């Protein structure tokens, strides 16, 4: 079993839900990313989503856009992100790491090289926002050859045929975008998520994580009751933005502990 499968199986046995925080690699600095990753795990994260900074992050709202800009200004690159995962693995061999980003940097490296490098450093899954299932067969064949999970997004507007398609291709877990819009925008309609879940569960046997717009412990707790994992990105990145390098790990860890406690209640 992969690290992702093992993690979700263990959580299911414990009747708990996954907490999946997102940070952007290289924000607030290259030096702080790996300490932040370890801090997230110590605070209760089950899976880490590590953002690969990109100059045109079309699915992201202002908070994560600014994080990408800071990271790129700090000299962050896809090779640098892979190096951070390798560094993280020196101390943590069990926590799943999913890279989340856009296709251009991977295309520039080549999917074949990227997949091999992911396997070498210990990446468990890849979520490429702008690669829909119709366009991803060749790309994700390389990932699957190295047992790296291709992870897909589904949205409130996703039709049943697309859900079926994703169900066939996806590995690890499926990421359900809880609202129409970019990361960090709007407020979650819990009843809409609840209404959508039976349609998703009809076809998807993998765990389903829900993200976009989860900004506090109360919302995280409510969302956790409806799915298998809670993804929190913009709120954590906002905490990073508002912290100094001296207190960023402590501040982010405090927030994640609050989310963890709420989800476990």
C-alpha atoms as a PDB file:
ATOM      1  CA  UNK A   1       0.000   0.000   0.000  1.00  0.00           C
ATOM      2  CA  UNK A   2       1.096   3.552  -0.657  1.00  0.00           C
ATOM      3  CA  UNK A   3       1.640   6.047   2.152  1.00  0.00           C
ATOM      4  CA  UNK A   4      -1.644   7.754   1.192  1.00  0.00           C
ATOM      5  CA  UNK A   5      -3.613   4.488   1.222  1.00  0.00           C
ATOM      6  CA  UNK A   6      -2.034   3.436   4.517  1.00  0.00           C
ATOM      7  CA  UNK A   7      -2.840   6.782   6.131  1.00  0.00           C
ATOM      8  CA  UNK A   8      -6.496   6.773   5.116  1.00  0.00           C
ATOM      9  CA  UNK A   9      -6.907   3.106   6.082  1.00  0.00           C
ATOM     10  CA  UNK A  10      -5.497   3.816   9.534  1.00  0.00           C
ATOM     11  CA  UNK A  11      -7.768   6.849   9.966  1.00  0.00           C
ATOM     12  CA  UNK A  12     -10.812   4.840   8.893  1.00  0.00           C
ATOM     13  CA  UNK A  13      -9.955   2.169  11.450  1.00  0.00           C
ATOM     14  CA  UNK A  14      -9.729   4.899  14.097  1.00  0.00           C
ATOM     15  CA  UNK A  15     -12.977   6.497  12.834  1.00  0.00           C
ATOM     16  CA  UNK A  16     -11.128   9.770  12.270  1.00  0.00           C
ATOM     17  CA  UNK A  17     -10.919  12.162   9.344  1.00  0.00           C
ATOM     18  CA  UNK A  18      -7.777  13.372   7.590  1.00  0.00           C
ATOM     19  CA  UNK A  19      -6.448  16.882   8.063  1.00  0.00           C
ATOM     20  CA  UNK A  20      -4.677  17.976   4.872  1.00  0.00           C
ATOM     21  CA  UNK A  21      -2.967  21.375   5.147  1.00  0.00           C
ATOM     22  CA  UNK A  22      -1.513  23.213   2.162  1.00  0.00           C
ATOM     23  CA  UNK A  23       1.531  25.473   2.109  1.00  0.00           C
ATOM     24  CA  UNK A  24       3.466  26.970  -0.789  1.00  0.00           C
ATOM     25  CA  UNK A  25       7.054  25.763  -1.077  1.00  0.00           C
ATOM     26  CA  UNK A  26       9.477  28.650  -0.618  1.00  0.00           C
ATOM     27  CA  UNK A  27       7.073  30.811   1.392  1.00  0.00           C
ATOM     28  CA  UNK A  28       8.019  32.651   3.559  1.00  0.00           C
ATOM     29  CA  UNK A  29      11.521  31.483   2.570  1.00  0.00           C
ATOM     30  CA  UNK A  30      13.256  28.430   1.188  1.00  0.00           C
ATOM     31  CA  UNK A  31      14.833  27.795   4.582  1.00  0.00           C
ATOM     32  CA  UNK A  32      11.500  27.694   6.433  1.00  0.00           C
ATOM     33  CA  UNK A  33       9.551  25.270   4.221  1.00  0.00           C
ATOM     34  CA  UNK A  34      10.882  21.990   5.636  1.00  0.00           C
ATOM     35  CA  UNK A  35      10.573  23.180   9.275  1.00  0.00           C
ATOM     36  CA  UNK A  36       6.985  24.195   8.470  1.00  0.00           C
ATOM     37  CA  UNK A  37       6.288  20.745   6.998  1.00  0.00           C
ATOM     38  CA  UNK A  38       7.541  19.066  10.168  1.00  0.00           C
ATOM     39  CA  UNK A  39       5.572  21.545  12.288  1.00  0.00           C
ATOM     40  CA  UNK A  40       2.374  20.694  10.417  1.00  0.00           C
ATOM     41  CA  UNK A  41       2.865  16.981  11.071  1.00  0.00           C
ATOM     42  CA  UNK A  42       3.641  17.518  14.751  1.00  0.00           C
ATOM     43  CA  UNK A  43       0.467  19.620  15.050  1.00  0.00           C
ATOM     44  CA  UNK A  44      -1.700  16.832  13.649  1.00  0.00           C
ATOM     45  CA  UNK A  45      -1.577  16.903   9.834  1.00  0.00           C
ATOM     46  CA  UNK A  46      -2.149  13.535   8.141  1.00  0.00           C
ATOM     47  CA  UNK A  47      -1.249  14.436   4.540  1.00  0.00           C
ATOM     48  CA  UNK A  48       0.758  17.451   3.348  1.00  0.00           C
ATOM     49  CA  UNK A  49      -0.096  19.345   0.176  1.00  0.00           C
ATOM     50  CA  UNK A  50       2.983  21.248  -0.952  1.00  0.00           C
ATOM     51  CA  UNK A  51       2.297  23.937  -3.522  1.00  0.00           C
ATOM     52  CA  UNK A  52       4.672  24.347  -6.443  1.00  0.00           C
ATOM     53  CA  UNK A  53       4.790  28.116  -7.021  1.00  0.00           C
ATOM     54  CA  UNK A  54       3.700  29.281 -10.468  1.00  0.00           C
ATOM     55  CA  UNK A  55       3.481  32.711 -12.060  1.00  0.00           C
ATOM     56  CA  UNK A  56      -0.155  32.326 -13.201  1.00  0.00           C
ATOM     57  CA  UNK A  57      -1.989  30.280 -10.542  1.00  0.00           C
ATOM     58  CA  UNK A  58      -5.445  30.532 -12.124  1.00  0.00           C
ATOM     59  CA  UNK A  59      -7.305  28.480  -9.502  1.00  0.00           C
ATOM     60  CA  UNK A  60      -5.894  30.400  -6.567  1.00  0.00           C
ATOM     61  CA  UNK A  61      -7.204  33.502  -4.838  1.00  0.00           C
ATOM     62  CA  UNK A  62      -5.118  36.501  -3.748  1.00  0.00           C
ATOM     63  CA  UNK A  63      -3.660  34.884  -0.613  1.00  0.00           C
ATOM     64  CA  UNK A  64      -2.055  31.929  -2.400  1.00  0.00           C
ATOM     65  CA  UNK A  65      -1.203  34.091  -5.426  1.00  0.00           C
ATOM     66  CA  UNK A  66       0.874  36.295  -3.134  1.00  0.00           C
ATOM     67  CA  UNK A  67       2.523  33.210  -1.645  1.00  0.00           C
ATOM     68  CA  UNK A  68       3.543  32.064  -5.132  1.00  0.00           C
ATOM     69  CA  UNK A  69       4.923  35.515  -5.889  1.00  0.00           C
ATOM     70  CA  UNK A  70       6.964  35.523  -2.673  1.00  0.00           C
ATOM     71  CA  UNK A  71       8.272  32.023  -3.344  1.00  0.00           C
ATOM     72  CA  UNK A  72       9.279  32.804  -6.925  1.00  0.00           C
ATOM     73  CA  UNK A  73      10.992  35.982  -5.716  1.00  0.00           C
ATOM     74  CA  UNK A  74      12.866  33.751  -3.252  1.00  0.00           C
ATOM     75  CA  UNK A  75      14.195  31.713  -6.189  1.00  0.00           C
ATOM     76  CA  UNK A  76      11.873  28.732  -5.805  1.00  0.00           C
ATOM     77  CA  UNK A  77      11.689  26.222  -8.669  1.00  0.00           C
ATOM     78  CA  UNK A  78      10.231  22.770  -9.270  1.00  0.00           C
ATOM     79  CA  UNK A  79      13.672  21.246  -8.726  1.00  0.00           C
ATOM     80  CA  UNK A  80      13.887  23.162  -5.472  1.00  0.00           C
ATOM     81  CA  UNK A  81      10.526  21.803  -4.341  1.00  0.00           C
ATOM     82  CA  UNK A  82      11.651  18.238  -5.044  1.00  0.00           C
ATOM     83  CA  UNK A  83      14.793  18.933  -3.034  1.00  0.00           C
ATOM     84  CA  UNK A  84      12.657  20.047  -0.091  1.00  0.00           C
ATOM     85  CA  UNK A  85      10.715  16.784  -0.159  1.00  0.00           C
ATOM     86  CA  UNK A  86      14.024  14.877  -0.132  1.00  0.00           C
ATOM     87  CA  UNK A  87      15.129  16.918   2.897  1.00  0.00           C
ATOM     88  CA  UNK A  88      11.796  16.310   4.659  1.00  0.00           C
ATOM     89  CA  UNK A  89      12.126  12.551   4.082  1.00  0.00           C
ATOM     90  CA  UNK A  90      15.391  12.444   6.054  1.00  0.00           C
ATOM     91  CA  UNK A  91      13.300  12.742   9.227  1.00  0.00           C
ATOM     92  CA  UNK A  92       9.806  11.668   8.136  1.00  0.00           C
ATOM     93  CA  UNK A  93       9.365   8.501   6.093  1.00  0.00           C
ATOM     94  CA  UNK A  94       5.651   8.028   6.731  1.00  0.00           C
ATOM     95  CA  UNK A  95       3.652  11.249   6.152  1.00  0.00           C
ATOM     96  CA  UNK A  96       2.267  11.423   2.599  1.00  0.00           C
ATOM     97  CA  UNK A  97       3.349  14.433   0.540  1.00  0.00           C
ATOM     98  CA  UNK A  98       1.283  15.597  -2.436  1.00  0.00           C
ATOM     99  CA  UNK A  99       2.617  18.206  -4.842  1.00  0.00           C
ATOM    100  CA  UNK A 100      -0.075  20.629  -6.011  1.00  0.00           C
ATOM    101  CA  UNK A 101       0.473  22.997  -8.897  1.00  0.00           C
ATOM    102  CA  UNK A 102       0.202  23.640 -12.614  1.00  0.00           C
ATOM    103  CA  UNK A 103       1.365  21.873 -15.741  1.00  0.00           C
ATOM    104  CA  UNK A 104       3.919  24.289 -17.206  1.00  0.00           C
ATOM    105  CA  UNK A 105       6.844  23.639 -14.832  1.00  0.00           C
ATOM    106  CA  UNK A 106       6.318  19.871 -15.186  1.00  0.00           C
ATOM    107  CA  UNK A 107       6.098  20.083 -18.974  1.00  0.00           C
ATOM    108  CA  UNK A 108       9.358  22.041 -18.968  1.00  0.00           C
ATOM    109  CA  UNK A 109      11.050  19.283 -16.953  1.00  0.00           C
ATOM    110  CA  UNK A 110       9.174  16.508 -18.861  1.00  0.00           C
ATOM    111  CA  UNK A 111       6.666  14.227 -17.173  1.00  0.00           C
ATOM    112  CA  UNK A 112       9.008  11.260 -17.447  1.00  0.00           C
ATOM    113  CA  UNK A 113      11.822  13.033 -15.599  1.00  0.00           C
ATOM    114  CA  UNK A 114       9.416  14.583 -13.105  1.00  0.00           C
ATOM    115  CA  UNK A 115       7.827  11.236 -12.215  1.00  0.00           C
ATOM    116  CA  UNK A 116      11.221   9.628 -11.734  1.00  0.00           C
ATOM    117  CA  UNK A 117      12.392  12.492  -9.521  1.00  0.00           C
ATOM    118  CA  UNK A 118       9.169  12.316  -7.487  1.00  0.00           C
ATOM    119  CA  UNK A 119       9.773   8.625  -6.879  1.00  0.00           C
ATOM    120  CA  UNK A 120      13.407   9.255  -5.939  1.00  0.00           C
ATOM    121  CA  UNK A 121      12.612  11.903  -3.302  1.00  0.00           C
ATOM    122  CA  UNK A 122       9.433  10.402  -1.838  1.00  0.00           C
ATOM    123  CA  UNK A 123       6.497  12.289  -3.359  1.00  0.00           C
ATOM    124  CA  UNK A 124       3.261  10.297  -2.977  1.00  0.00           C
ATOM    125  CA  UNK A 125       0.791  12.158  -5.187  1.00  0.00           C
ATOM    126  CA  UNK A 126       0.517  14.929  -7.758  1.00  0.00           C
ATOM    127  CA  UNK A 127      -2.427  17.259  -8.284  1.00  0.00           C
ATOM    128  CA  UNK A 128      -2.084  19.333 -11.444  1.00  0.00           C
ATOM    129  CA  UNK A 129      -4.858  21.920 -11.428  1.00  0.00           C
ATOM    130  CA  UNK A 130      -4.906  22.586 -15.174  1.00  0.00           C
ATOM    131  CA  UNK A 131      -4.664  18.961 -16.349  1.00  0.00           C
ATOM    132  CA  UNK A 132      -8.230  17.609 -16.618  1.00  0.00           C
ATOM    133  CA  UNK A 133      -8.658  13.844 -16.978  1.00  0.00           C
ATOM    134  CA  UNK A 134      -9.268  14.135 -20.730  1.00  0.00           C
ATOM    135  CA  UNK A 135      -5.777  15.591 -21.217  1.00  0.00           C
ATOM    136  CA  UNK A 136      -3.822  13.651 -18.651  1.00  0.00           C
ATOM    137  CA  UNK A 137      -3.572  10.034 -19.810  1.00  0.00           C
ATOM    138  CA  UNK A 138       0.000  10.188 -21.152  1.00  0.00           C
ATOM    139  CA  UNK A 139       1.218  12.427 -18.332  1.00  0.00           C
ATOM    140  CA  UNK A 140      -0.186  10.334 -15.533  1.00  0.00           C
ATOM    141  CA  UNK A 141       0.967   7.058 -17.064  1.00  0.00           C
ATOM    142  CA  UNK A 142       4.434   8.186 -16.010  1.00  0.00           C
ATOM    143  CA  UNK A 143       3.208   8.827 -12.459  1.00  0.00           C
ATOM    144  CA  UNK A 144       1.467   5.492 -12.176  1.00  0.00           C
ATOM    145  CA  UNK A 145       4.573   3.704 -13.465  1.00  0.00           C
ATOM    146  CA  UNK A 146       6.317   4.976 -10.327  1.00  0.00           C
ATOM    147  CA  UNK A 147       3.319   4.333  -8.015  1.00  0.00           C
ATOM    148  CA  UNK A 148       2.632   8.055  -7.589  1.00  0.00           C
ATOM    149  CA  UNK A 149      -1.045   8.901  -7.205  1.00  0.00           C
ATOM    150  CA  UNK A 150      -2.643  11.203  -9.791  1.00  0.00           C
ATOM    151  CA  UNK A 151      -5.105  13.286  -7.781  1.00  0.00           C
ATOM    152  CA  UNK A 152      -7.980  15.123  -9.441  1.00  0.00           C
ATOM    153  CA  UNK A 153     -10.279  17.997  -8.580  1.00  0.00           C
ATOM    154  CA  UNK A 154     -14.056  17.787  -8.758  1.00  0.00           C
ATOM    155  CA  UNK A 155     -16.390  20.763  -8.369  1.00  0.00           C
ATOM    156  CA  UNK A 156     -20.043  21.539  -7.647  1.00  0.00           C
ATOM    157  CA  UNK A 157     -20.567  21.900 -11.405  1.00  0.00           C
ATOM    158  CA  UNK A 158     -18.935  18.552 -12.319  1.00  0.00           C
ATOM    159  CA  UNK A 159     -21.221  16.359 -14.435  1.00  0.00           C
ATOM    160  CA  UNK A 160     -21.704  12.663 -13.761  1.00  0.00           C
ATOM    161  CA  UNK A 161     -19.716  11.582 -16.830  1.00  0.00           C
ATOM    162  CA  UNK A 162     -16.666  13.502 -15.567  1.00  0.00           C
ATOM    163  CA  UNK A 163     -17.076  12.008 -12.091  1.00  0.00           C
ATOM    164  CA  UNK A 164     -17.037   8.529 -13.659  1.00  0.00           C
ATOM    165  CA  UNK A 165     -13.919   9.415 -15.644  1.00  0.00           C
ATOM    166  CA  UNK A 166     -12.094  10.691 -12.569  1.00  0.00           C
ATOM    167  CA  UNK A 167     -13.160   7.608 -10.612  1.00  0.00           C
ATOM    168  CA  UNK A 168     -11.331   5.420 -13.139  1.00  0.00           C
ATOM    169  CA  UNK A 169      -8.112   7.447 -13.234  1.00  0.00           C
ATOM    170  CA  UNK A 170      -7.665   8.792  -9.708  1.00  0.00           C
ATOM    171  CA  UNK A 171      -5.537   7.206  -7.014  1.00  0.00           C
ATOM    172  CA  UNK A 172      -4.957   8.180  -3.380  1.00  0.00           C
ATOM    173  CA  UNK A 173      -7.908  10.486  -2.841  1.00  0.00           C
ATOM    174  CA  UNK A 174     -10.150  12.870  -4.764  1.00  0.00           C
ATOM    175  CA  UNK A 175     -10.226  16.575  -3.944  1.00  0.00           C
ATOM    176  CA  UNK A 176     -13.721  18.075  -3.993  1.00  0.00           C
ATOM    177  CA  UNK A 177     -13.757  21.856  -4.452  1.00  0.00           C
ATOM    178  CA  UNK A 178     -16.563  22.974  -2.169  1.00  0.00           C
ATOM    179  CA  UNK A 179     -17.505  26.177  -3.979  1.00  0.00           C
ATOM    180  CA  UNK A 180     -17.479  27.908  -7.345  1.00  0.00           C
ATOM    181  CA  UNK A 181     -14.480  30.199  -7.441  1.00  0.00           C
ATOM    182  CA  UNK A 182     -10.825  30.375  -6.486  1.00  0.00           C
ATOM    183  CA  UNK A 183      -9.103  29.298  -3.280  1.00  0.00           C
ATOM    184  CA  UNK A 184     -10.075  31.283  -0.217  1.00  0.00           C
ATOM    185  CA  UNK A 185     -13.140  32.857  -1.821  1.00  0.00           C
ATOM    186  CA  UNK A 186     -16.701  32.795  -0.579  1.00  0.00           C
ATOM    187  CA  UNK A 187     -18.217  30.800   2.234  1.00  0.00           C
ATOM    188  CA  UNK A 188     -19.026  27.120   2.211  1.00  0.00           C
ATOM    189  CA  UNK A 189     -22.580  25.904   1.722  1.00  0.00           C
ATOM    190  CA  UNK A 190     -22.578  22.771   3.868  1.00  0.00           C
ATOM    191  CA  UNK A 191     -25.949  21.612   2.586  1.00  0.00           C
ATOM    192  CA  UNK A 192     -24.652  21.760  -0.998  1.00  0.00           C
ATOM    193  CA  UNK A 193     -21.686  19.552  -0.054  1.00  0.00           C
ATOM    194  CA  UNK A 194     -24.013  17.120   1.691  1.00  0.00           C
ATOM    195  CA  UNK A 195     -26.274  17.006  -1.369  1.00  0.00           C
ATOM    196  CA  UNK A 196     -23.328  16.363  -3.727  1.00  0.00           C
ATOM    197  CA  UNK A 197     -21.683  13.567  -1.737  1.00  0.00           C
ATOM    198  CA  UNK A 198     -24.080  10.734  -2.702  1.00  0.00           C
ATOM    199  CA  UNK A 199     -23.423  11.450  -6.398  1.00  0.00           C
ATOM    200  CA  UNK A 200     -19.665  11.354  -5.784  1.00  0.00           C
ATOM    201  CA  UNK A 201     -19.799   8.250  -3.583  1.00  0.00           C
ATOM    202  CA  UNK A 202     -21.840   6.427  -6.204  1.00  0.00           C
ATOM    203  CA  UNK A 203     -18.784   6.273  -8.452  1.00  0.00           C
ATOM    204  CA  UNK A 204     -15.739   7.092  -6.280  1.00  0.00           C
ATOM    205  CA  UNK A 205     -14.476   4.444  -3.895  1.00  0.00           C
ATOM    206  CA  UNK A 206     -11.398   6.443  -2.885  1.00  0.00           C
ATOM    207  CA  UNK A 207     -11.429   8.817   0.091  1.00  0.00           C
ATOM    208  CA  UNK A 208     -12.832  12.256  -0.702  1.00  0.00           C
ATOM    209  CA  UNK A 209     -11.216  15.388   0.695  1.00  0.00           C
ATOM    210  CA  UNK A 210     -13.038  18.719   0.694  1.00  0.00           C
ATOM    211  CA  UNK A 211     -11.309  22.084   0.415  1.00  0.00           C
ATOM    212  CA  UNK A 212     -11.580  25.739  -0.707  1.00  0.00           C
ATOM    213  CA  UNK A 213     -13.090  28.157   1.802  1.00  0.00           C
ATOM    214  CA  UNK A 214     -12.451  26.311   5.085  1.00  0.00           C
ATOM    215  CA  UNK A 215     -11.240  29.142   7.281  1.00  0.00           C
ATOM    216  CA  UNK A 216     -11.866  28.139  10.893  1.00  0.00           C
ATOM    217  CA  UNK A 217     -12.163  25.217  13.282  1.00  0.00           C
ATOM    218  CA  UNK A 218     -15.972  25.237  13.336  1.00  0.00           C
ATOM    219  CA  UNK A 219     -16.206  24.922   9.557  1.00  0.00           C
ATOM    220  CA  UNK A 220     -13.504  22.248   9.505  1.00  0.00           C
ATOM    221  CA  UNK A 221     -15.474  20.249  12.086  1.00  0.00           C
ATOM    222  CA  UNK A 222     -18.707  20.557  10.092  1.00  0.00           C
ATOM    223  CA  UNK A 223     -17.061  19.610   6.781  1.00  0.00           C
ATOM    224  CA  UNK A 224     -15.288  16.619   8.359  1.00  0.00           C
ATOM    225  CA  UNK A 225     -18.664  15.053   9.126  1.00  0.00           C
ATOM    226  CA  UNK A 226     -19.452  14.952   5.395  1.00  0.00           C
ATOM    227  CA  UNK A 227     -16.230  13.565   3.873  1.00  0.00           C
ATOM    228  CA  UNK A 228     -12.973  11.707   4.550  1.00  0.00           C
ATOM    229  CA  UNK A 229     -10.552  14.603   4.728  1.00  0.00           C
ATOM    230  CA  UNK A 230     -10.473  18.370   5.225  1.00  0.00           C
ATOM    231  CA  UNK A 231      -8.099  20.458   3.092  1.00  0.00           C
ATOM    232  CA  UNK A 232      -7.095  23.855   4.476  1.00  0.00           C
ATOM    233  CA  UNK A 233      -4.934  26.151   2.351  1.00  0.00           C
ATOM    234  CA  UNK A 234      -5.590  29.884   2.222  1.00  0.00           C
ATOM    235  CA  UNK A 235      -6.145  30.219   5.975  1.00  0.00           C
ATOM    236  CA  UNK A 236      -2.778  28.591   6.702  1.00  0.00           C
ATOM    237  CA  UNK A 237      -0.990  30.601   4.019  1.00  0.00           C
ATOM    238  CA  UNK A 238      -2.559  33.746   5.468  1.00  0.00           C
ATOM    239  CA  UNK A 239      -1.090  32.840   8.867  1.00  0.00           C
ATOM    240  CA  UNK A 240       2.319  32.453   7.222  1.00  0.00           C
ATOM    241  CA  UNK A 241       1.930  35.845   5.550  1.00  0.00           C
ATOM    242  CA  UNK A 242       1.065  37.515   8.858  1.00  0.00           C
ATOM    243  CA  UNK A 243       3.940  35.910  10.797  1.00  0.00           C
ATOM    244  CA  UNK A 244       7.657  36.578  11.058  1.00  0.00           C
ATOM    245  CA  UNK A 245      10.194  33.885  10.266  1.00  0.00           C
ATOM    246  CA  UNK A 246      10.872  33.671  13.993  1.00  0.00           C
ATOM    247  CA  UNK A 247       7.293  32.781  14.965  1.00  0.00           C
ATOM    248  CA  UNK A 248       5.819  31.332  11.765  1.00  0.00           C
ATOM    249  CA  UNK A 249       6.195  27.657  12.740  1.00  0.00           C
ATOM    250  CA  UNK A 250       4.675  28.276  16.180  1.00  0.00           C
ATOM    251  CA  UNK A 251       1.768  30.296  14.756  1.00  0.00           C
ATOM    252  CA  UNK A 252       0.946  27.820  12.015  1.00  0.00           C
ATOM    253  CA  UNK A 253       1.259  24.866  14.396  1.00  0.00           C
ATOM    254  CA  UNK A 254      -1.183  26.514  16.826  1.00  0.00           C
ATOM    255  CA  UNK A 255      -3.737  26.982  14.034  1.00  0.00           C
ATOM    256  CA  UNK A 256      -3.370  23.412  12.812  1.00  0.00           C
ATOM    257  CA  UNK A 257      -3.758  22.029  16.353  1.00  0.00           C
ATOM    258  CA  UNK A 258      -7.040  23.931  16.655  1.00  0.00           C
ATOM    259  CA  UNK A 259      -8.243  22.462  13.360  1.00  0.00           C
ATOM    260  CA  UNK A 260      -7.136  18.985  14.439  1.00  0.00           C
ATOM    261  CA  UNK A 261      -8.973  19.207  17.752  1.00  0.00           C
ATOM    262  CA  UNK A 262     -12.138  20.431  16.062  1.00  0.00           C
ATOM    263  CA  UNK A 263     -12.094  17.681  13.429  1.00  0.00           C
ATOM    264  CA  UNK A 264     -11.558  15.000  16.088  1.00  0.00           C
ATOM    265  CA  UNK A 265     -14.444  16.151  18.293  1.00  0.00           C
END
